[in-house]
PDB file of all heavy atoms in Angstrom:
ATOM      1  N   ILE A   1       0.854  -1.229  -0.007  1.00  0.00           N
ATOM      2  CA  ILE A   1      -0.008   0.001   0.015  1.00  0.00           C
ATOM      3  C   ILE A   1       0.922   1.193  -0.041  1.00  0.00           C
ATOM      4  O   ILE A   1       1.876   1.273   0.689  1.00  0.00           O
ATOM      5  CB  ILE A   1      -0.903  -0.027   1.245  1.00  0.00           C
ATOM      6  CG1 ILE A   1      -1.959  -1.134   1.116  1.00  0.00           C
ATOM      7  CG2 ILE A   1      -1.686   1.366   1.371  1.00  0.00           C
ATOM      8  CD1 ILE A   1      -2.744  -1.260   2.412  1.00  0.00           C
ATOM      9  N   VAL A   2       0.512   2.164  -0.807  1.00  0.00           N
ATOM     10  CA  VAL A   2       1.351   3.447  -0.846  1.00  0.00           C
ATOM     11  C   VAL A   2       0.287   4.600  -0.517  1.00  0.00           C
ATOM     12  O   VAL A   2      -0.813   4.676  -1.057  1.00  0.00           O
ATOM     13  CB  VAL A   2       1.795   3.735  -2.273  1.00  0.00           C
ATOM     14  CG1 VAL A   2       2.459   5.093  -2.306  1.00  0.00           C
ATOM     15  CG2 VAL A   2       2.844   2.687  -2.621  1.00  0.00           C
ATOM     16  N   LEU A   3       0.665   5.377   0.473  1.00  0.00           N
ATOM     17  CA  LEU A   3      -0.109   6.537   0.828  1.00  0.00           C
ATOM     18  C   LEU A   3       0.720   7.796   0.516  1.00  0.00           C
ATOM     19  O   LEU A   3       1.853   7.975   0.896  1.00  0.00           O
ATOM     20  CB  LEU A   3      -0.431   6.613   2.394  1.00  0.00           C
ATOM     21  CG  LEU A   3      -1.221   5.575   2.977  1.00  0.00           C
ATOM     22  CD1 LEU A   3      -1.407   5.692   4.485  1.00  0.00           C
ATOM     23  CD2 LEU A   3      -2.570   5.497   2.288  1.00  0.00           C
ATOM     24  N   ARG A   4       0.152   8.603  -0.305  1.00  0.00           N
ATOM     25  CA  ARG A   4       0.702   9.879  -0.843  1.00  0.00           C
ATOM     26  C   ARG A   4      -0.298  11.047  -0.802  1.00  0.00           C
ATOM     27  O   ARG A   4      -1.550  10.777  -0.833  1.00  0.00           O
ATOM     28  CB  ARG A   4       1.216   9.678  -2.319  1.00  0.00           C
ATOM     29  CG  ARG A   4       2.226   8.594  -2.527  1.00  0.00           C
ATOM     30  CD  ARG A   4       2.678   8.507  -3.894  1.00  0.00           C
ATOM     31  NE  ARG A   4       3.422   9.763  -4.240  1.00  0.00           N
ATOM     32  CZ  ARG A   4       3.142  10.536  -5.373  1.00  0.00           C
ATOM     33  NH1 ARG A   4       2.238  10.224  -6.039  1.00  0.00           N
ATOM     34  NH2 ARG A   4       3.906  11.601  -5.582  1.00  0.00           N
ATOM     35  N   GLY A   5       0.162  12.179  -0.953  1.00  0.00           N
ATOM     36  CA  GLY A   5      -0.714  13.383  -1.019  1.00  0.00           C
ATOM     37  C   GLY A   5      -1.684  13.462   0.098  1.00  0.00           C
ATOM     38  O   GLY A   5      -1.351  13.318   1.273  1.00  0.00           O
ATOM     39  N   ALA A   6      -2.931  13.585  -0.207  1.00  0.00           N
ATOM     40  CA  ALA A   6      -3.975  13.780   0.800  1.00  0.00           C
ATOM     41  C   ALA A   6      -4.171  12.553   1.629  1.00  0.00           C
ATOM     42  O   ALA A   6      -4.494  12.662   2.776  1.00  0.00           O
ATOM     43  CB  ALA A   6      -5.344  14.167   0.117  1.00  0.00           C
ATOM     44  N   ASP A   7      -3.842  11.402   0.975  1.00  0.00           N
ATOM     45  CA  ASP A   7      -3.964  10.142   1.723  1.00  0.00           C
ATOM     46  C   ASP A   7      -3.012  10.026   2.969  1.00  0.00           C
ATOM     47  O   ASP A   7      -3.138   9.359   3.870  1.00  0.00           O
ATOM     48  CB  ASP A   7      -3.776   8.909   0.826  1.00  0.00           C
ATOM     49  CG  ASP A   7      -4.962   8.794  -0.172  1.00  0.00           C
ATOM     50  OD1 ASP A   7      -6.096   9.218   0.160  1.00  0.00           O
ATOM     51  OD2 ASP A   7      -4.667   8.142  -1.206  1.00  0.00           O
ATOM     52  N   LEU A   8      -1.880  10.666   2.847  1.00  0.00           N
ATOM     53  CA  LEU A   8      -0.879  10.729   3.803  1.00  0.00           C
ATOM     54  C   LEU A   8      -1.443  11.418   5.098  1.00  0.00           C
ATOM     55  O   LEU A   8      -0.878  11.103   6.228  1.00  0.00           O
ATOM     56  CB  LEU A   8       0.403  11.391   3.352  1.00  0.00           C
ATOM     57  CG  LEU A   8       1.556  11.284   4.218  1.00  0.00           C
ATOM     58  CD1 LEU A   8       2.116   9.815   4.403  1.00  0.00           C
ATOM     59  CD2 LEU A   8       2.782  12.037   3.582  1.00  0.00           C
ATOM     60  N   ALA A   9      -2.384  12.193   5.007  1.00  0.00           N
ATOM     61  CA  ALA A   9      -2.988  12.858   6.168  1.00  0.00           C
ATOM     62  C   ALA A   9      -3.641  11.824   7.156  1.00  0.00           C
ATOM     63  O   ALA A   9      -3.759  12.078   8.280  1.00  0.00           O
ATOM     64  CB  ALA A   9      -4.000  13.823   5.751  1.00  0.00           C
ATOM     65  N   ALA A  10      -3.857  10.565   6.634  1.00  0.00           N
ATOM     66  CA  ALA A  10      -4.387   9.574   7.553  1.00  0.00           C
ATOM     67  C   ALA A  10      -3.336   8.902   8.373  1.00  0.00           C
ATOM     68  O   ALA A  10      -3.639   8.072   9.306  1.00  0.00           O
ATOM     69  CB  ALA A  10      -5.073   8.468   6.688  1.00  0.00           C
ATOM     70  N   ALA A  11      -2.066   9.339   8.234  1.00  0.00           N
ATOM     71  CA  ALA A  11      -0.933   8.775   8.915  1.00  0.00           C
ATOM     72  C   ALA A  11      -0.447   9.731  10.053  1.00  0.00           C
ATOM     73  O   ALA A  11      -0.235  10.952   9.777  1.00  0.00           O
ATOM     74  CB  ALA A  11       0.191   8.442   7.980  1.00  0.00           C
ATOM     75  N   ALA A  12      -0.421   9.232  11.269  1.00  0.00           N
ATOM     76  CA  ALA A  12       0.193   9.878  12.374  1.00  0.00           C
ATOM     77  C   ALA A  12       1.512   9.198  12.767  1.00  0.00           C
ATOM     78  O   ALA A  12       1.518   8.017  13.081  1.00  0.00           O
ATOM     79  CB  ALA A  12      -0.790   9.937  13.609  1.00  0.00           C
ATOM     80  N   PHE A  13       2.581   9.953  12.695  1.00  0.00           N
ATOM     81  CA  PHE A  13       3.959   9.551  13.079  1.00  0.00           C
ATOM     82  C   PHE A  13       4.122   9.675  14.576  1.00  0.00           C
ATOM     83  O   PHE A  13       3.967  10.801  15.104  1.00  0.00           O
ATOM     84  CB  PHE A  13       4.993  10.224  12.238  1.00  0.00           C
ATOM     85  CG  PHE A  13       4.694  10.076  10.729  1.00  0.00           C
ATOM     86  CD1 PHE A  13       3.953  10.996  10.078  1.00  0.00           C
ATOM     87  CD2 PHE A  13       5.234   8.946  10.098  1.00  0.00           C
ATOM     88  CE1 PHE A  13       3.806  10.886   8.690  1.00  0.00           C
ATOM     89  CE2 PHE A  13       4.933   8.781   8.710  1.00  0.00           C
ATOM     90  CZ  PHE A  13       4.249   9.771   7.940  1.00  0.00           C
ATOM     91  N   VAL A  14       4.484   8.604  15.235  1.00  0.00           N
ATOM     92  CA  VAL A  14       4.657   8.665  16.730  1.00  0.00           C
ATOM     93  C   VAL A  14       6.003   8.258  17.183  1.00  0.00           C
ATOM     94  O   VAL A  14       6.525   7.150  16.718  1.00  0.00           O
ATOM     95  CB  VAL A  14       3.542   7.786  17.420  1.00  0.00           C
ATOM     96  CG1 VAL A  14       3.612   7.794  18.913  1.00  0.00           C
ATOM     97  CG2 VAL A  14       2.161   8.130  16.885  1.00  0.00           C
ATOM     98  N   ASP A  15       6.641   8.953  18.182  1.00  0.00           N
ATOM     99  CA  ASP A  15       7.929   8.567  18.585  1.00  0.00           C
ATOM    100  C   ASP A  15       7.877   7.700  19.759  1.00  0.00           C
ATOM    101  O   ASP A  15       6.790   7.228  20.191  1.00  0.00           O
ATOM    102  CB  ASP A  15       8.786   9.809  18.953  1.00  0.00           C
ATOM    103  CG  ASP A  15       8.161  10.640  20.164  1.00  0.00           C
ATOM    104  OD1 ASP A  15       7.410  10.048  20.966  1.00  0.00           O
ATOM    105  OD2 ASP A  15       8.586  11.772  20.409  1.00  0.00           O
ATOM    106  N   ARG A  16       8.979   7.186  20.301  1.00  0.00           N
ATOM    107  CA  ARG A  16       9.036   6.220  21.325  1.00  0.00           C
ATOM    108  C   ARG A  16       8.356   6.662  22.627  1.00  0.00           C
ATOM    109  O   ARG A  16       7.898   5.900  23.434  1.00  0.00           O
ATOM    110  CB  ARG A  16      10.491   5.822  21.688  1.00  0.00           C
ATOM    111  CG  ARG A  16      11.212   5.078  20.472  1.00  0.00           C
ATOM    112  CD  ARG A  16      12.558   4.670  20.866  1.00  0.00           C
ATOM    113  NE  ARG A  16      13.279   4.350  19.621  1.00  0.00           N
ATOM    114  CZ  ARG A  16      14.275   5.132  19.122  1.00  0.00           C
ATOM    115  NH1 ARG A  16      14.681   6.237  19.815  1.00  0.00           N
ATOM    116  NH2 ARG A  16      14.840   4.857  18.045  1.00  0.00           N
ATOM    117  N   GLY A  17       8.255   8.013  22.811  1.00  0.00           N
ATOM    118  CA  GLY A  17       7.576   8.549  23.993  1.00  0.00           C
ATOM    119  C   GLY A  17       6.122   8.706  23.861  1.00  0.00           C
ATOM    120  O   GLY A  17       5.428   9.193  24.764  1.00  0.00           O
ATOM    121  N   GLY A  18       5.498   8.296  22.633  1.00  0.00           N
ATOM    122  CA  GLY A  18       4.145   8.455  22.414  1.00  0.00           C
ATOM    123  C   GLY A  18       3.671   9.741  21.853  1.00  0.00           C
ATOM    124  O   GLY A  18       2.528  10.125  21.811  1.00  0.00           O
ATOM    125  N   HIS A  19       4.731  10.629  21.485  1.00  0.00           N
ATOM    126  CA  HIS A  19       4.379  11.987  21.034  1.00  0.00           C
ATOM    127  C   HIS A  19       4.349  11.997  19.541  1.00  0.00           C
ATOM    128  O   HIS A  19       5.193  11.251  18.964  1.00  0.00           O
ATOM    129  CB  HIS A  19       5.413  12.991  21.613  1.00  0.00           C
ATOM    130  CG  HIS A  19       5.601  13.010  22.982  1.00  0.00           C
ATOM    131  ND1 HIS A  19       6.568  12.418  23.721  1.00  0.00           N
ATOM    132  CD2 HIS A  19       4.786  13.642  23.886  1.00  0.00           C
ATOM    133  CE1 HIS A  19       6.356  12.560  25.007  1.00  0.00           C
ATOM    134  NE2 HIS A  19       5.333  13.322  25.133  1.00  0.00           N
ATOM    135  N   ARG A  20       3.504  12.721  18.907  1.00  0.00           N
ATOM    136  CA  ARG A  20       3.402  12.857  17.532  1.00  0.00           C
ATOM    137  C   ARG A  20       4.547  13.548  16.878  1.00  0.00           C
ATOM    138  O   ARG A  20       5.186  14.555  17.476  1.00  0.00           O
ATOM    139  CB  ARG A  20       2.167  13.502  17.115  1.00  0.00           C
ATOM    140  CG  ARG A  20       0.991  12.714  17.508  1.00  0.00           C
ATOM    141  CD  ARG A  20      -0.055  12.467  16.421  1.00  0.00           C
ATOM    142  NE  ARG A  20      -1.005  11.595  16.874  1.00  0.00           N
ATOM    143  CZ  ARG A  20      -2.139  11.493  16.350  1.00  0.00           C
ATOM    144  NH1 ARG A  20      -2.516  12.206  15.426  1.00  0.00           N
ATOM    145  NH2 ARG A  20      -3.001  10.552  16.767  1.00  0.00           N
ATOM    146  N   ILE A  21       5.026  13.193  15.749  1.00  0.00           N
ATOM    147  CA  ILE A  21       5.983  13.789  14.898  1.00  0.00           C
ATOM    148  C   ILE A  21       5.350  14.408  13.694  1.00  0.00           C
ATOM    149  O   ILE A  21       4.650  13.616  12.975  1.00  0.00           O
ATOM    150  CB  ILE A  21       7.109  12.901  14.496  1.00  0.00           C
ATOM    151  CG1 ILE A  21       7.773  12.191  15.686  1.00  0.00           C
ATOM    152  CG2 ILE A  21       8.161  13.630  13.683  1.00  0.00           C
ATOM    153  CD1 ILE A  21       8.841  11.174  15.339  1.00  0.00           C
ATOM    154  N   ASP A  22       5.411  15.771  13.436  1.00  0.00           N
ATOM    155  CA  ASP A  22       4.908  16.357  12.343  1.00  0.00           C
ATOM    156  C   ASP A  22       5.510  15.635  11.019  1.00  0.00           C
ATOM    157  O   ASP A  22       6.657  15.323  10.999  1.00  0.00           O
ATOM    158  CB  ASP A  22       5.098  17.931  12.211  1.00  0.00           C
ATOM    159  CG  ASP A  22       4.311  18.531  13.352  1.00  0.00           C
ATOM    160  OD1 ASP A  22       3.270  18.095  13.802  1.00  0.00           O
ATOM    161  OD2 ASP A  22       4.713  19.679  13.703  1.00  0.00           O
ATOM    162  N   ALA A  23       4.687  15.461  10.016  1.00  0.00           N
ATOM    163  CA  ALA A  23       5.119  14.856   8.758  1.00  0.00           C
ATOM    164  C   ALA A  23       6.296  15.568   8.204  1.00  0.00           C
ATOM    165  O   ALA A  23       7.275  14.961   7.720  1.00  0.00           O
ATOM    166  CB  ALA A  23       4.015  14.726   7.773  1.00  0.00           C
ATOM    167  N   ASP A  24       6.351  16.874   8.351  1.00  0.00           N
ATOM    168  CA  ASP A  24       7.535  17.605   7.812  1.00  0.00           C
ATOM    169  C   ASP A  24       8.790  17.510   8.642  1.00  0.00           C
ATOM    170  O   ASP A  24       9.799  18.016   8.295  1.00  0.00           O
ATOM    171  CB  ASP A  24       7.190  19.059   7.572  1.00  0.00           C
ATOM    172  CG  ASP A  24       6.846  19.847   8.811  1.00  0.00           C
ATOM    173  OD1 ASP A  24       6.600  19.218   9.896  1.00  0.00           O
ATOM    174  OD2 ASP A  24       6.649  21.150   8.722  1.00  0.00           O
ATOM    175  N   ARG A  25       8.741  16.779   9.723  1.00  0.00           N
ATOM    176  CA  ARG A  25       9.777  16.597  10.695  1.00  0.00           C
ATOM    177  C   ARG A  25      10.301  15.163  10.726  1.00  0.00           C
ATOM    178  O   ARG A  25      11.328  14.862  11.338  1.00  0.00           O
ATOM    179  CB  ARG A  25       9.532  17.081  12.116  1.00  0.00           C
ATOM    180  CG  ARG A  25       9.103  18.433  12.164  1.00  0.00           C
ATOM    181  CD  ARG A  25      10.264  19.471  12.321  1.00  0.00           C
ATOM    182  NE  ARG A  25      11.027  19.110  13.526  1.00  0.00           N
ATOM    183  CZ  ARG A  25      12.438  19.145  13.421  1.00  0.00           C
ATOM    184  NH1 ARG A  25      13.022  19.543  12.334  1.00  0.00           N
ATOM    185  NH2 ARG A  25      13.151  18.835  14.462  1.00  0.00           N
ATOM    186  N   VAL A  26       9.534  14.281   9.990  1.00  0.00           N
ATOM    187  CA  VAL A  26       9.934  12.823  10.087  1.00  0.00           C
ATOM    188  C   VAL A  26      11.276  12.523   9.581  1.00  0.00           C
ATOM    189  O   VAL A  26      12.014  11.650  10.186  1.00  0.00           O
ATOM    190  CB  VAL A  26       8.754  11.936   9.317  1.00  0.00           C
ATOM    191  CG1 VAL A  26       9.226  10.522   9.099  1.00  0.00           C
ATOM    192  CG2 VAL A  26       7.516  12.079  10.065  1.00  0.00           C
ATOM    193  N   LEU A  27      11.712  13.128   8.560  1.00  0.00           N
ATOM    194  CA  LEU A  27      13.034  12.847   7.965  1.00  0.00           C
ATOM    195  C   LEU A  27      14.180  13.296   8.903  1.00  0.00           C
ATOM    196  O   LEU A  27      15.179  12.594   8.946  1.00  0.00           O
ATOM    197  CB  LEU A  27      13.157  13.529   6.604  1.00  0.00           C
ATOM    198  CG  LEU A  27      12.288  13.086   5.526  1.00  0.00           C
ATOM    199  CD1 LEU A  27      12.564  13.834   4.218  1.00  0.00           C
ATOM    200  CD2 LEU A  27      12.364  11.557   5.261  1.00  0.00           C
ATOM    201  N   ASP A  28      13.929  14.285   9.705  1.00  0.00           N
ATOM    202  CA  ASP A  28      14.964  14.768  10.660  1.00  0.00           C
ATOM    203  C   ASP A  28      14.853  13.881  11.983  1.00  0.00           C
ATOM    204  O   ASP A  28      15.918  13.813  12.638  1.00  0.00           O
ATOM    205  CB  ASP A  28      14.673  16.206  11.110  1.00  0.00           C
ATOM    206  CG  ASP A  28      14.975  17.180   9.953  1.00  0.00           C
ATOM    207  OD1 ASP A  28      15.834  16.908   9.014  1.00  0.00           O
ATOM    208  OD2 ASP A  28      14.230  18.202   9.843  1.00  0.00           O
TER     209      ASP A  28
END
């Protein structure tokens, strides 16, 4: 499955502490 564009909004990136990581900060 590939999520891109508007579909990527359905993804929440979460760190080890349970905090969300903004999509624009995931690479860092």
